[in-house]
Amino acid sequence: MKGRTMAKRDEFYPAWHEEQPPAGSFRSILKWGDPNEYKHPNRKLYRLMKERFKLDDDWFKEKRHMGLGHVPDSAPCRLAPEHLAALSAIVGAGNAHVDTYNRLRVGYGKTMVDLMRLRLGIIENIPDLVLWPRNRDDLRAIVDYCDGHAIPLYVYGGGSSVSRGVEAVRGGVSLDMRVHLKRVLAFDERNHTITVEAGMSGPELERLLRDAPNALQASRPYTAGHLPQSFEYSAVGGWTVTRGAGQNSTYYGKIEDIVLSQDYVCPRGVDIRTQDFPAAANGPDVDQIMMGSEGCFGVLYAVTLKLKNYLPANTRRFSFIFRDWESAKDACRDIMQGEFGFPSVFRLSDPEESDVALKLYGVDGTPLDTFMRLRGYAKGERCLMLGTADGEAGFSAHVKRMVKRIARKHGAMYTTGLVERSWEHGRFRDPYMREDLQDYGIMIDTLECSVNWSNLERVHTGVRAYCHSRPDTICMTHMSHFYPQGCNLYFIFIAKMDSLDEYLAYQRGVLDSIQEHGASMSHHHGIGKAFAPWLEGDVGPEIMDLFKALKRHFDPKGILNPGGTLGLDLEDAQKRFMKKR
């Protein structure tokens, strides 16, 4: 069976679910990725969970809340018949859907709140109608009609939102962009740019670019360099409107560094098309205003992206073990402030995550593990750094050489590029484990935030203290998406928890702690409706007033993604303001 590892013949190992979800089931919506793909916790991680959660093998002999039931076609459509007819006529036969399954499929993303509700069969906050627009003319007609009749309008891209950004709180219409709007509109090799529709998936974009000599009649392969954790099931439009970041962003930049121009369809008959100059001084940057708007200012139709040469033969991989968190953090700061160039993938795991990672990568318990401990790299203290250098051959070799020099200066032991290769091999498959764990009432979720070097430890210590205030909870943390001024802190918490109310209370506490300790509420996940109550406490009332003024300009009737997104229409009682330390 896939995912099984060799072990003693009499050692129990759970019978993880490996059947394709039934068609039309809740599980077919909650399941991550390919319906035939799975990634199971290995035996070492299984033992760790039993130990930390005080469980025995019997707990893992019965699955809970599998979500295998069929989605009932029971949610009434509240749109008037004349609106259904008019909107369906715009997109043509086969592109308008009112059945509950299709509406639920685009109403939920992939946050733990969504997955728990699907397992429990909870159907709420779904659109009344799902449309598959075929082209920009369809978008223009749909936006005009909804604006004219005050019908709420939501947008669904790749479906990997973890901020409740796609949830149709007020019903209305949801646009599924990935069905038709996934074409290449222009490719300019001289300018190193490509223009694609917003529904273009990450894998398809990279396939086209890496095969550019054949697919685009180019002289060489290219890459956009944007590879988020959700890469396989994300779309260019979602990257853009949430200000996303890929795992190689330390070198390639976040999406706002990669986007050159955008094309939005807005209410009031307005089109916003920005120019594709490499830079300009024509007043405030409209591209930066529109990115991060999360579908509240307009519907993104197309994006022009900057390209880089695809040079996989030049990639240099590295990994190091540090004796402690302090020396590892100092090394990361020195690397980012060294002015010799930046790594591409760059990650530093804290001691708790490092111990789990070394179990996942098969290092724990091996002769290498024994050697590390004999050299003073102790469990519970040591920290794992891994990464790559990309670009021109001489550049990538120099970056790796300098990273190695600085790491050794801070007492690190070089552990080759094999650890990074192991991480890279499974980099997009980790989300598959969530189904396995949830089948047995174990929750795994993430929250992330942006910090600078001076408040990094305050945030790391404070947030982890809250996460561990719940007994028997794992809180793994790593630094990623680095800058000379700071980094992203990414918290992964695992707990025996299958109560939706308990989860929501716990998530609120983590978010309170992030804000209380002075971090930004999001580095790359966006804000959506889940994190919106904390946004004004983060950016301040004056900036929130500016956001609301932009909303009134672009969308005076408030039809675009209403119901809390970006906090634009929240009541004061719904907001949370934590006093920052």
Protein backbone atom coordinates (compact mmCIF):
# COMPACT_ATOMS: atom_id res chain seq x y z
CA MET A 1 0.00 0.00 0.00
CA LYS A 2 1.32 3.47 -0.88
CA GLY A 3 3.04 5.38 1.89
CA ARG A 4 3.87 2.28 4.00
CA THR A 5 7.37 1.86 5.40
CA MET A 6 9.16 -1.26 6.63
CA ALA A 7 8.66 -2.02 10.31
CA LYS A 8 8.39 -4.87 12.75
CA ARG A 9 5.74 -7.31 11.59
CA ASP A 10 3.69 -7.00 14.81
CA GLU A 11 3.77 -3.19 15.01
CA PHE A 12 0.37 -1.60 14.44
CA TYR A 13 0.04 1.02 11.72
CA PRO A 14 -3.29 2.71 10.86
CA ALA A 15 -5.21 1.67 7.77
CA TRP A 16 -5.16 5.09 6.13
CA HIS A 17 -8.01 5.80 3.74
CA GLU A 18 -6.91 5.36 0.12
CA GLU A 19 -10.15 5.09 -1.81
CA GLN A 20 -11.07 7.73 -4.35
CA PRO A 21 -13.80 9.92 -2.83
CA PRO A 22 -17.29 9.02 -4.05
CA ALA A 23 -18.55 11.28 -6.82
CA GLY A 24 -20.72 14.05 -5.45
CA SER A 25 -19.55 13.50 -1.85
CA PHE A 26 -18.42 16.00 0.76
CA ARG A 27 -15.04 14.25 0.76
CA SER A 28 -14.57 14.89 -2.95
CA ILE A 29 -14.65 18.61 -2.09
CA LEU A 30 -12.53 18.53 1.07
CA LYS A 31 -9.87 16.22 -0.35
CA TRP A 32 -6.65 17.96 -1.31
CA GLY A 33 -5.48 17.65 -4.90
CA ASP A 34 -5.55 14.55 -7.04
CA PRO A 35 -8.37 12.21 -5.90
CA ASN A 36 -6.03 9.25 -6.37
CA GLU A 37 -3.04 10.67 -4.49
CA TYR A 38 -2.21 10.33 -0.79
CA LYS A 39 0.62 11.05 1.60
CA HIS A 40 0.55 9.21 4.92
CA PRO A 41 2.41 10.06 8.12
CA ASN A 42 5.41 7.75 8.39
CA ARG A 43 5.77 5.47 11.39
CA LYS A 44 8.04 7.84 13.30
CA LEU A 45 5.55 10.68 12.98
CA TYR A 46 2.74 8.29 13.94
CA ARG A 47 4.61 7.36 17.12
CA LEU A 48 5.24 11.04 17.90
CA MET A 49 1.53 11.86 17.60
CA LYS A 50 0.57 9.00 19.90
CA GLU A 51 3.10 10.19 22.46
CA ARG A 52 2.22 13.89 22.30
CA PHE A 53 -1.55 13.41 22.20
CA LYS A 54 -1.53 10.58 24.79
CA LEU A 55 -3.22 8.15 22.42
CA ASP A 56 -2.83 4.43 21.91
CA ASP A 57 -3.24 2.26 18.82
CA ASP A 58 -6.91 1.70 19.60
CA TRP A 59 -7.62 5.38 18.88
CA PHE A 60 -6.48 4.82 15.29
CA LYS A 61 -8.65 1.79 14.64
CA GLU A 62 -11.85 3.77 14.04
CA LYS A 63 -12.17 6.73 11.68
CA ARG A 64 -14.36 9.74 12.43
CA HIS A 65 -16.40 12.15 10.30
CA MET A 66 -15.12 10.92 6.94
CA GLY A 67 -17.34 13.11 4.79
CA LEU A 68 -18.19 10.20 2.50
CA GLY A 69 -21.88 11.08 2.32
CA HIS A 70 -23.44 12.53 -0.83
CA VAL A 71 -24.01 16.29 -0.88
CA PRO A 72 -27.81 16.63 -0.86
CA ASP A 73 -29.30 18.92 -3.45
CA SER A 74 -31.17 20.74 -0.71
CA ALA A 75 -29.97 24.35 -0.64
CA PRO A 76 -32.59 26.57 -2.25
CA CYS A 77 -31.54 29.11 -4.85
CA ARG A 78 -32.68 32.55 -3.73
CA LEU A 79 -32.12 34.39 -7.00
CA ALA A 80 -35.27 35.46 -8.81
CA PRO A 81 -36.03 33.39 -11.95
CA GLU A 82 -35.51 36.39 -14.22
CA HIS A 83 -31.99 36.90 -12.82
CA LEU A 84 -31.16 33.22 -13.25
CA ALA A 85 -32.33 33.33 -16.84
CA ALA A 86 -30.47 36.53 -17.70
CA LEU A 87 -27.17 35.49 -16.13
CA SER A 88 -27.35 31.98 -17.58
CA ALA A 89 -27.92 33.45 -21.03
CA ILE A 90 -24.72 35.49 -20.76
CA VAL A 91 -22.47 32.44 -20.34
CA GLY A 92 -24.38 30.02 -22.56
CA ALA A 93 -25.50 26.44 -22.18
CA GLY A 94 -23.58 24.27 -19.73
CA ASN A 95 -21.89 27.20 -17.98
CA ALA A 96 -24.48 28.04 -15.31
CA HIS A 97 -25.11 25.80 -12.29
CA VAL A 98 -27.63 25.90 -9.46
CA ASP A 99 -27.16 22.40 -7.99
CA THR A 100 -25.95 22.38 -4.40
CA TYR A 101 -22.79 20.37 -5.11
CA ASN A 102 -21.36 22.85 -7.61
CA ARG A 103 -22.31 25.76 -5.37
CA LEU A 104 -20.69 24.18 -2.31
CA ARG A 105 -17.58 23.30 -4.30
CA VAL A 106 -16.81 26.98 -4.96
CA GLY A 107 -18.19 28.30 -1.67
CA TYR A 108 -15.47 26.75 0.50
CA GLY A 109 -11.70 26.94 0.26
CA LYS A 110 -9.15 24.79 2.05
CA THR A 111 -8.87 26.29 5.51
CA MET A 112 -9.52 23.99 8.46
CA VAL A 113 -12.89 25.68 9.04
CA ASP A 114 -13.94 24.61 5.55
CA LEU A 115 -12.68 21.06 5.94
CA MET A 116 -14.35 20.58 9.32
CA ARG A 117 -17.68 21.87 8.02
CA LEU A 118 -17.51 19.54 5.03
CA ARG A 119 -16.77 16.54 7.25
CA LEU A 120 -19.75 17.44 9.42
CA GLY A 121 -22.02 17.98 6.39
CA ILE A 122 -22.52 21.68 7.13
CA ILE A 123 -23.72 23.65 4.08
CA GLU A 124 -23.72 27.41 4.58
CA ASN A 125 -22.63 30.62 2.89
CA ILE A 126 -22.74 29.25 -0.64
CA PRO A 127 -23.64 31.17 -3.80
CA ASP A 128 -27.05 30.81 -5.40
CA LEU A 129 -25.56 30.45 -8.86
CA VAL A 130 -22.19 29.40 -10.24
CA LEU A 131 -21.12 30.79 -13.61
CA TRP A 132 -18.24 29.69 -15.82
CA PRO A 133 -17.38 32.85 -17.81
CA ARG A 134 -15.86 32.12 -21.22
CA ASN A 135 -14.10 35.41 -21.98
CA ARG A 136 -13.71 39.02 -20.96
CA ASP A 137 -17.01 39.99 -22.62
CA ASP A 138 -18.80 37.51 -20.35
CA LEU A 139 -17.13 39.07 -17.32
CA ARG A 140 -18.13 42.55 -18.38
CA ALA A 141 -21.76 41.52 -18.93
CA ILE A 142 -21.95 39.62 -15.61
CA VAL A 143 -20.44 42.47 -13.57
CA ASP A 144 -22.75 44.99 -15.26
CA TYR A 145 -25.84 42.87 -14.60
CA CYS A 146 -24.98 42.17 -10.97
CA ASP A 147 -24.13 45.82 -10.39
CA GLY A 148 -27.38 46.92 -11.97
CA HIS A 149 -29.45 44.58 -9.81
CA ALA A 150 -27.35 44.71 -6.59
CA ILE A 151 -26.51 40.99 -6.72
CA PRO A 152 -23.46 39.91 -4.66
CA LEU A 153 -20.59 38.64 -6.81
CA TYR A 154 -17.74 36.38 -5.69
CA VAL A 155 -14.75 34.93 -7.55
CA TYR A 156 -13.25 31.43 -7.27
CA GLY A 157 -9.82 30.63 -8.70
CA GLY A 158 -7.76 27.58 -7.81
CA GLY A 159 -9.68 26.83 -4.63
CA SER A 160 -6.74 26.75 -2.21
CA SER A 161 -7.77 29.80 -0.15
CA VAL A 162 -7.02 29.47 3.57
CA SER A 163 -8.62 32.77 4.60
CA ARG A 164 -12.30 32.13 3.77
CA GLY A 165 -11.78 34.52 0.89
CA VAL A 166 -14.18 32.78 -1.52
CA GLU A 167 -17.07 32.21 0.92
CA ALA A 168 -20.32 33.62 -0.46
CA VAL A 169 -21.64 35.00 2.82
CA ARG A 170 -24.48 36.86 1.10
CA GLY A 171 -25.35 34.36 -1.61
CA GLY A 172 -25.61 35.72 -5.13
CA VAL A 173 -23.22 34.64 -7.88
CA SER A 174 -19.80 33.02 -7.85
CA LEU A 175 -17.52 33.01 -10.91
CA ASP A 176 -15.44 29.86 -11.41
CA MET A 177 -12.50 31.23 -13.38
CA ARG A 178 -10.53 28.01 -13.86
CA VAL A 179 -12.89 26.36 -16.36
CA HIS A 180 -12.43 28.62 -19.39
CA LEU A 181 -10.31 31.64 -18.45
CA LYS A 182 -6.89 29.97 -18.62
CA ARG A 183 -5.43 31.07 -21.94
CA VAL A 184 -2.15 32.70 -22.87
CA LEU A 185 -3.00 36.12 -24.30
CA ALA A 186 0.52 37.30 -25.17
CA PHE A 187 4.14 36.23 -24.89
CA ASP A 188 6.94 38.73 -25.44
CA GLU A 189 10.35 37.11 -25.35
CA ARG A 190 12.17 40.37 -25.95
CA ASN A 191 10.56 41.84 -22.83
CA HIS A 192 10.61 38.56 -20.87
CA THR A 193 6.86 38.75 -20.17
CA ILE A 194 3.79 36.59 -20.54
CA THR A 195 0.14 37.66 -20.24
CA VAL A 196 -2.36 35.04 -19.10
CA GLU A 197 -5.98 34.92 -18.00
CA ALA A 198 -6.59 34.81 -14.26
CA GLY A 199 -7.80 31.21 -14.21
CA MET A 200 -4.46 29.84 -15.50
CA SER A 201 -3.22 27.21 -13.05
CA GLY A 202 0.29 27.28 -11.60
CA PRO A 203 1.36 23.91 -13.10
CA GLU A 204 0.04 24.77 -16.55
CA LEU A 205 1.80 28.14 -16.53
CA GLU A 206 5.11 26.55 -15.54
CA ARG A 207 4.65 23.73 -18.06
CA LEU A 208 4.20 26.25 -20.86
CA LEU A 209 7.15 28.36 -19.75
CA ARG A 210 9.55 25.49 -19.20
CA ASP A 211 8.53 24.07 -22.58
CA ALA A 212 8.58 27.52 -24.17
CA PRO A 213 10.69 26.49 -27.22
CA ASN A 214 7.85 24.18 -28.25
CA ALA A 215 4.78 25.71 -26.63
CA LEU A 216 5.55 29.38 -27.29
CA GLN A 217 8.15 29.17 -30.09
CA ALA A 218 10.72 30.76 -27.79
CA SER A 219 14.49 30.49 -27.94
CA ARG A 220 14.83 29.03 -24.42
CA PRO A 221 12.86 27.79 -21.36
CA TYR A 222 11.51 30.26 -18.79
CA THR A 223 9.94 30.31 -15.33
CA ALA A 224 7.77 32.73 -13.37
CA GLY A 225 9.54 31.61 -10.20
CA HIS A 226 6.29 31.55 -8.20
CA LEU A 227 5.89 28.17 -6.50
CA PRO A 228 3.66 28.37 -3.40
CA GLN A 229 2.86 25.37 -1.19
CA SER A 230 -0.52 25.26 -2.97
CA PHE A 231 1.18 25.46 -6.38
CA GLU A 232 -0.46 22.38 -7.91
CA TYR A 233 -3.98 23.62 -7.09
CA SER A 234 -3.65 27.39 -7.30
CA ALA A 235 -4.28 29.94 -10.03
CA VAL A 236 -2.51 33.08 -11.21
CA GLY A 237 -5.47 35.27 -10.26
CA GLY A 238 -5.49 33.99 -6.69
CA TRP A 239 -1.75 34.57 -6.37
CA THR A 240 -2.24 38.17 -7.47
CA VAL A 241 -5.27 39.34 -5.52
CA THR A 242 -3.95 37.90 -2.23
CA ARG A 243 -0.35 39.15 -2.63
CA GLY A 244 0.91 35.58 -2.46
CA ALA A 245 4.47 34.28 -2.13
CA GLY A 246 6.13 31.17 -3.52
CA GLN A 247 8.65 28.99 -1.73
CA ASN A 248 11.44 30.49 -3.88
CA SER A 249 10.41 34.08 -3.14
CA THR A 250 13.65 35.08 -1.38
CA TYR A 251 15.24 35.14 -4.85
CA TYR A 252 12.31 35.60 -7.25
CA GLY A 253 10.20 37.90 -5.05
CA LYS A 254 6.57 37.82 -3.95
CA ILE A 255 3.87 38.05 -6.58
CA GLU A 256 3.83 41.86 -6.37
CA ASP A 257 7.45 41.76 -7.56
CA ILE A 258 6.55 39.47 -10.47
CA VAL A 259 3.33 41.11 -11.73
CA LEU A 260 3.98 43.81 -14.34
CA SER A 261 0.43 44.81 -15.27
CA GLN A 262 -3.20 43.80 -14.69
CA ASP A 263 -6.64 43.97 -16.32
CA TYR A 264 -9.71 44.31 -14.07
CA VAL A 265 -13.42 44.42 -14.86
CA CYS A 266 -15.08 46.73 -12.31
CA PRO A 267 -18.62 47.92 -11.54
CA ARG A 268 -20.04 51.13 -13.03
CA GLY A 269 -18.80 50.01 -16.47
CA VAL A 270 -15.20 50.75 -15.46
CA ASP A 271 -12.18 48.84 -16.77
CA ILE A 272 -8.82 49.16 -15.03
CA ARG A 273 -5.93 48.23 -17.34
CA THR A 274 -2.44 49.11 -16.17
CA GLN A 275 0.58 49.50 -18.45
CA ASP A 276 3.41 47.00 -18.73
CA PHE A 277 6.34 49.41 -18.35
CA PRO A 278 9.13 48.11 -16.09
CA ALA A 279 8.79 51.24 -13.95
CA ALA A 280 7.07 54.63 -13.98
CA ALA A 281 6.53 57.73 -11.86
CA ASN A 282 2.94 58.38 -12.87
CA GLY A 283 1.55 58.96 -9.42
CA PRO A 284 0.68 56.17 -6.95
CA ASP A 285 1.17 52.66 -8.28
CA VAL A 286 -2.27 51.37 -9.29
CA ASP A 287 -0.96 47.82 -9.66
CA GLN A 288 -0.01 47.81 -5.99
CA ILE A 289 -3.41 49.25 -5.06
CA MET A 290 -5.25 46.49 -6.94
CA MET A 291 -3.04 43.62 -5.76
CA GLY A 292 -4.26 42.45 -2.39
CA SER A 293 -7.80 43.74 -3.05
CA GLU A 294 -9.10 40.14 -2.94
CA GLY A 295 -11.91 40.68 -5.42
CA CYS A 296 -13.33 43.72 -3.60
CA PHE A 297 -12.40 46.37 -6.20
CA GLY A 298 -12.88 44.45 -9.43
CA VAL A 299 -12.74 41.04 -11.09
CA LEU A 300 -9.22 40.29 -12.29
CA TYR A 301 -9.27 39.10 -15.90
CA ALA A 302 -5.62 38.96 -16.94
CA VAL A 303 -2.09 39.45 -15.60
CA THR A 304 1.24 40.19 -17.25
CA LEU A 305 4.11 38.49 -15.43
CA LYS A 306 7.86 39.03 -15.53
CA LEU A 307 9.87 35.96 -16.51
CA LYS A 308 13.24 34.55 -15.55
CA ASN A 309 15.40 32.09 -17.42
CA TYR A 310 14.78 28.50 -16.34
CA LEU A 311 18.18 27.12 -15.36
CA PRO A 312 17.65 23.97 -13.26
CA ALA A 313 21.16 22.67 -14.01
CA ASN A 314 22.54 25.64 -12.05
CA THR A 315 20.53 25.01 -8.88
CA ARG A 316 22.80 24.47 -5.87
CA ARG A 317 21.24 22.78 -2.83
CA PHE A 318 22.36 22.96 0.77
CA SER A 319 21.35 22.08 4.32
CA PHE A 320 22.89 22.70 7.74
CA ILE A 321 22.31 21.73 11.35
CA PHE A 322 22.84 24.48 13.93
CA ARG A 323 23.35 23.83 17.61
CA ASP A 324 20.63 26.25 18.68
CA TRP A 325 17.97 28.69 17.52
CA GLU A 326 19.94 31.84 18.36
CA SER A 327 22.99 31.00 16.25
CA ALA A 328 20.76 29.86 13.39
CA LYS A 329 18.77 33.12 13.41
CA ASP A 330 21.98 35.16 13.44
CA ALA A 331 23.29 33.22 10.45
CA CYS A 332 20.09 33.87 8.49
CA ARG A 333 20.31 37.60 9.16
CA ASP A 334 23.97 37.71 8.14
CA ILE A 335 23.17 35.84 4.92
CA MET A 336 20.37 38.22 3.99
CA GLN A 337 22.44 41.31 4.84
CA GLY A 338 25.65 40.05 3.21
CA GLU A 339 24.97 41.72 -0.18
CA PHE A 340 26.34 38.80 -2.19
CA GLY A 341 22.95 37.75 -3.56
CA PHE A 342 20.01 35.87 -2.08
CA PRO A 343 19.22 32.16 -1.86
CA SER A 344 16.08 30.98 -3.65
CA VAL A 345 14.45 28.43 -1.36
CA PHE A 346 15.54 29.42 2.15
CA ARG A 347 14.04 27.91 5.31
CA LEU A 348 15.05 27.67 8.94
CA SER A 349 13.10 25.36 11.27
CA ASP A 350 13.00 25.98 15.00
CA PRO A 351 13.94 23.12 17.37
CA GLU A 352 10.43 21.65 17.58
CA GLU A 353 9.95 21.63 13.81
CA SER A 354 13.51 20.40 13.24
CA ASP A 355 12.88 17.32 15.36
CA VAL A 356 9.71 16.53 13.40
CA ALA A 357 11.40 17.27 10.05
CA LEU A 358 14.28 14.92 10.78
CA LYS A 359 11.73 12.19 11.48
CA LEU A 360 9.95 12.92 8.19
CA TYR A 361 13.19 12.95 6.22
CA GLY A 362 14.32 9.65 7.70
CA VAL A 363 17.33 11.06 9.60
CA ASP A 364 16.09 10.50 13.15
CA GLY A 365 17.57 7.32 14.65
CA THR A 366 20.18 6.82 11.94
CA PRO A 367 23.99 6.84 12.31
CA LEU A 368 23.92 10.43 11.02
CA ASP A 369 21.60 11.36 13.89
CA THR A 370 23.97 9.70 16.38
CA PHE A 371 26.93 11.52 14.84
CA MET A 372 25.14 14.88 15.12
CA ARG A 373 24.32 14.33 18.76
CA LEU A 374 27.89 13.32 19.55
CA ARG A 375 29.03 16.58 17.93
CA GLY A 376 26.76 18.57 20.25
CA TYR A 377 23.70 19.02 17.99
CA ALA A 378 21.16 17.83 20.54
CA LYS A 379 17.52 16.96 20.04
CA GLY A 380 15.22 19.70 21.22
CA GLU A 381 17.89 22.35 20.57
CA ARG A 382 19.29 21.83 17.08
CA CYS A 383 17.83 23.67 14.09
CA LEU A 384 17.64 22.63 10.45
CA MET A 385 18.35 25.11 7.65
CA LEU A 386 17.83 24.14 4.03
CA GLY A 387 17.72 25.94 0.73
CA THR A 388 18.86 26.43 -2.83
CA ALA A 389 20.66 29.00 -4.92
CA ASP A 390 19.35 29.69 -8.44
CA GLY A 391 20.38 31.78 -11.41
CA GLU A 392 23.51 31.99 -13.57
CA ALA A 393 26.00 29.20 -12.77
CA GLY A 394 28.67 31.42 -11.27
CA PHE A 395 26.11 33.37 -9.24
CA SER A 396 24.40 30.31 -7.75
CA ALA A 397 27.74 28.70 -6.91
CA HIS A 398 28.90 31.91 -5.21
CA VAL A 399 25.69 32.24 -3.19
CA LYS A 400 26.01 28.68 -1.92
CA ARG A 401 29.67 29.22 -1.10
CA MET A 402 28.87 32.34 0.93
CA VAL A 403 25.92 30.68 2.69
CA LYS A 404 28.21 27.83 3.70
CA ARG A 405 30.88 30.23 4.94
CA ILE A 406 28.43 32.16 7.12
CA ALA A 407 26.68 29.06 8.44
CA ARG A 408 29.99 27.51 9.51
CA LYS A 409 31.00 30.78 11.13
CA HIS A 410 27.92 30.34 13.34
CA GLY A 411 28.84 26.78 14.26
CA ALA A 412 26.69 24.88 11.78
CA MET A 413 27.44 21.44 10.38
CA TYR A 414 26.94 21.01 6.65
CA THR A 415 24.53 18.14 5.92
CA THR A 416 24.73 18.25 2.08
CA GLY A 417 21.97 18.95 -0.42
CA LEU A 418 20.28 15.58 0.12
CA VAL A 419 18.06 16.87 2.93
CA GLU A 420 16.84 19.71 0.72
CA ARG A 421 16.20 17.22 -2.09
CA SER A 422 14.09 15.13 0.28
CA TRP A 423 12.07 18.21 1.27
CA GLU A 424 11.78 19.28 -2.36
CA HIS A 425 10.52 15.87 -3.42
CA GLY A 426 7.50 16.23 -1.15
CA ARG A 427 7.19 20.02 -1.08
CA PHE A 428 3.74 20.12 -2.67
CA ARG A 429 2.41 16.89 -1.15
CA ASP A 430 2.38 17.70 2.57
CA PRO A 431 -1.26 18.96 2.46
CA TYR A 432 -2.37 15.43 1.57
CA MET A 433 -1.61 14.35 5.15
CA ARG A 434 -4.40 16.50 6.52
CA GLU A 435 -7.05 14.00 5.42
CA ASP A 436 -5.29 11.15 7.21
CA LEU A 437 -5.00 13.08 10.45
CA GLN A 438 -8.53 14.47 10.38
CA ASP A 439 -9.93 10.99 9.81
CA TYR A 440 -8.77 10.28 13.36
CA GLY A 441 -9.79 13.59 14.91
CA ILE A 442 -6.39 15.27 14.64
CA MET A 443 -6.28 18.81 13.27
CA ILE A 444 -3.31 20.33 11.45
CA ASP A 445 -3.41 23.93 10.31
CA THR A 446 -1.16 26.93 9.73
CA LEU A 447 -0.96 30.66 10.34
CA GLU A 448 1.82 32.97 9.20
CA CYS A 449 2.93 36.53 9.79
CA SER A 450 5.60 39.01 8.77
CA VAL A 451 8.22 40.17 11.28
CA ASN A 452 11.40 42.22 11.25
CA TRP A 453 14.62 41.07 12.86
CA SER A 454 14.13 43.20 15.95
CA ASN A 455 10.76 41.70 16.95
CA LEU A 456 11.21 38.20 15.53
CA GLU A 457 11.95 36.54 18.86
CA ARG A 458 9.19 38.38 20.69
CA VAL A 459 6.67 37.06 18.15
CA HIS A 460 8.17 33.56 17.99
CA THR A 461 8.21 33.13 21.77
CA GLY A 462 4.84 34.77 22.43
CA VAL A 463 2.81 33.03 19.75
CA ARG A 464 4.31 29.64 20.52
CA ALA A 465 3.54 30.16 24.21
CA TYR A 466 -0.12 30.65 23.33
CA CYS A 467 -0.14 27.64 20.98
CA HIS A 468 1.32 25.46 23.72
CA SER A 469 -1.07 26.84 26.34
CA ARG A 470 -3.46 24.23 25.02
CA PRO A 471 -2.13 20.97 26.48
CA ASP A 472 -0.65 18.30 24.20
CA THR A 473 -0.37 20.57 21.16
CA ILE A 474 2.48 20.49 18.66
CA CYS A 475 3.56 23.89 17.34
CA MET A 476 6.20 23.72 14.63
CA THR A 477 7.62 27.00 13.37
CA HIS A 478 9.92 27.96 10.53
CA MET A 479 11.28 31.13 9.02
CA SER A 480 10.76 31.52 5.28
CA HIS A 481 10.53 34.26 2.63
CA PHE A 482 13.54 36.20 3.87
CA TYR A 483 14.54 39.85 3.46
CA PRO A 484 17.45 41.97 4.70
CA GLN A 485 14.97 43.54 7.15
CA GLY A 486 13.22 40.41 8.42
CA CYS A 487 11.27 37.34 7.35
CA ASN A 488 8.03 35.41 7.45
CA LEU A 489 7.24 33.28 10.50
CA TYR A 490 5.12 30.25 9.69
CA PHE A 491 3.35 28.38 12.51
CA ILE A 492 2.05 24.83 12.02
CA PHE A 493 -0.06 23.53 14.86
CA ILE A 494 -1.25 19.94 15.31
CA ALA A 495 -3.73 18.91 18.00
CA LYS A 496 -6.33 16.29 18.81
CA MET A 497 -9.32 18.46 17.98
CA ASP A 498 -12.40 17.82 15.86
CA SER A 499 -14.81 20.37 17.36
CA LEU A 500 -15.45 23.29 15.02
CA ASP A 501 -16.20 25.68 17.90
CA GLU A 502 -13.03 24.67 19.74
CA TYR A 503 -10.97 25.15 16.59
CA LEU A 504 -12.40 28.62 15.90
CA ALA A 505 -11.70 29.71 19.49
CA TYR A 506 -8.14 28.40 19.25
CA GLN A 507 -7.52 30.13 15.91
CA ARG A 508 -8.82 33.41 17.36
CA GLY A 509 -6.37 33.06 20.21
CA VAL A 510 -3.43 32.50 17.86
CA LEU A 511 -4.42 35.52 15.77
CA ASP A 512 -4.81 37.62 18.91
CA SER A 513 -1.32 36.59 19.95
CA ILE A 514 0.18 37.41 16.55
CA GLN A 515 -1.23 40.93 16.70
CA GLU A 516 -0.51 41.41 20.40
CA HIS A 517 3.19 40.67 19.84
CA GLY A 518 3.53 43.15 16.98
CA ALA A 519 3.60 41.05 13.78
CA SER A 520 1.75 41.74 10.54
CA MET A 521 -1.45 39.69 10.31
CA SER A 522 -0.43 38.13 7.00
CA HIS A 523 2.67 37.85 4.87
CA HIS A 524 1.22 35.93 1.90
CA HIS A 525 -2.04 34.13 2.76
CA GLY A 526 -4.10 37.29 2.38
CA ILE A 527 -6.80 38.47 4.79
CA GLY A 528 -10.12 37.20 3.44
CA LYS A 529 -12.97 37.00 5.93
CA ALA A 530 -11.11 34.85 8.47
CA PHE A 531 -8.45 37.39 9.45
CA ALA A 532 -10.40 40.56 8.60
CA PRO A 533 -11.48 41.36 12.19
CA TRP A 534 -7.80 41.97 13.07
CA LEU A 535 -6.90 44.08 10.01
CA GLU A 536 -7.82 47.53 11.35
CA GLY A 537 -5.88 46.81 14.52
CA ASP A 538 -2.91 45.99 12.29
CA VAL A 539 -2.91 48.82 9.74
CA GLY A 540 -4.72 51.49 11.79
CA PRO A 541 -8.01 53.37 11.27
CA GLU A 542 -6.60 55.91 8.80
CA ILE A 543 -5.44 53.22 6.36
CA MET A 544 -8.73 51.34 6.82
CA ASP A 545 -10.55 54.56 5.90
CA LEU A 546 -8.42 54.71 2.75
CA PHE A 547 -9.33 51.11 1.87
CA LYS A 548 -13.00 51.93 2.36
CA ALA A 549 -12.72 55.05 0.18
CA LEU A 550 -11.25 52.91 -2.61
CA LYS A 551 -14.08 50.43 -2.14
CA ARG A 552 -16.68 53.20 -2.49
CA HIS A 553 -14.97 54.41 -5.66
CA PHE A 554 -14.69 51.03 -7.37
CA ASP A 555 -17.82 49.38 -6.01
CA PRO A 556 -20.31 51.92 -4.61
CA LYS A 557 -23.10 49.32 -4.25
CA GLY A 558 -20.83 46.90 -2.41
CA ILE A 559 -21.55 43.88 -4.62
CA LEU A 560 -17.98 42.53 -4.85
CA ASN A 561 -17.03 39.87 -2.27
CA PRO A 562 -19.21 41.29 0.53
CA GLY A 563 -19.54 39.82 3.99
CA GLY A 564 -16.34 40.78 5.75
CA THR A 565 -13.52 40.47 3.22
CA LEU A 566 -10.67 42.84 4.19
CA GLY A 567 -12.93 44.11 6.97
CA LEU A 568 -14.51 46.58 4.55
CA ASP A 569 -18.09 45.99 5.73
CA LEU A 570 -17.58 44.70 9.27
CA GLU A 571 -19.47 46.20 12.18
CA ASP A 572 -17.33 47.60 14.99
CA ALA A 573 -18.50 44.81 17.28
CA GLN A 574 -16.99 42.24 14.90
CA LYS A 575 -13.50 43.76 15.00
CA ARG A 576 -10.71 42.67 17.32
CA PHE A 577 -8.07 45.11 18.56
CA MET A 578 -5.20 43.66 20.54
CA LYS A 579 -2.84 45.96 22.40
CA LYS A 580 0.58 45.42 20.83
CA ARG A 581 3.51 44.68 23.09
